Amino acid sequence: MRLQEAQQLVDDWIRTYGVRYFSELTNMAILTEEVGELARIMARTYGDQSF
């Protein structure tokens, strides 16, 4: 399956079963939160912080 086909499947699902797409601000906030969680784990595993 090509990326474009996968994107179309997701778009079809959202338009059929989902409520709506999230706004750009919401997507940025969610991504920032996830990156922060990854950064915390990396800092505690490889950096000066400990668990």
Protein backbone atom coordinates (compact mmCIF):
# COMPACT_ATOMS: atom_id res chain seq x y z
CA MET A 1 0.00 0.00 0.00
CA ARG A 2 1.31 3.42 -0.93
CA LEU A 3 1.26 6.34 1.51
CA GLN A 4 -1.37 8.18 -0.52
CA GLU A 5 -3.67 5.14 -0.34
CA ALA A 6 -3.22 4.90 3.43
CA GLN A 7 -3.97 8.62 3.79
CA GLN A 8 -7.13 8.17 1.74
CA LEU A 9 -8.26 5.27 3.95
CA VAL A 10 -7.76 7.39 7.07
CA ASP A 11 -9.58 10.34 5.49
CA ASP A 12 -12.49 8.10 4.50
CA TRP A 13 -12.71 6.68 8.03
CA ILE A 14 -12.66 10.14 9.65
CA ARG A 15 -15.36 11.43 7.32
CA THR A 16 -17.53 8.32 7.90
CA TYR A 17 -17.05 7.49 11.60
CA GLY A 18 -15.01 10.29 13.12
CA VAL A 19 -16.24 13.61 14.39
CA ARG A 20 -13.78 15.92 12.61
CA TYR A 21 -10.11 16.65 12.08
CA PHE A 22 -8.33 18.39 14.94
CA SER A 23 -7.23 21.99 14.43
CA GLU A 24 -3.60 22.87 13.81
CA LEU A 25 -3.25 24.22 17.36
CA THR A 26 -4.58 21.01 18.88
CA ASN A 27 -2.28 18.88 16.71
CA MET A 28 0.72 21.00 17.72
CA ALA A 29 -0.17 20.76 21.42
CA ILE A 30 -0.58 16.97 21.26
CA LEU A 31 2.71 16.57 19.38
CA THR A 32 4.51 18.84 21.87
CA GLU A 33 3.19 16.78 24.77
CA GLU A 34 4.34 13.50 23.21
CA VAL A 35 7.81 14.88 22.37
CA GLY A 36 8.10 16.12 25.96
CA GLU A 37 7.35 12.65 27.31
CA LEU A 38 10.01 11.15 25.04
CA ALA A 39 12.51 13.83 26.10
CA ARG A 40 11.85 13.05 29.78
CA ILE A 41 12.55 9.34 29.25
CA MET A 42 15.73 10.07 27.26
CA ALA A 43 16.99 12.53 29.90
CA ARG A 44 16.44 10.00 32.65
CA THR A 45 17.90 7.07 30.72
CA TYR A 46 20.91 8.74 29.08
CA GLY A 47 21.26 12.10 30.84
CA ASP A 48 22.01 13.35 34.33
CA GLN A 49 18.52 12.77 35.70
CA SER A 50 17.55 9.44 37.21
CA PHE A 51 14.24 7.67 37.74
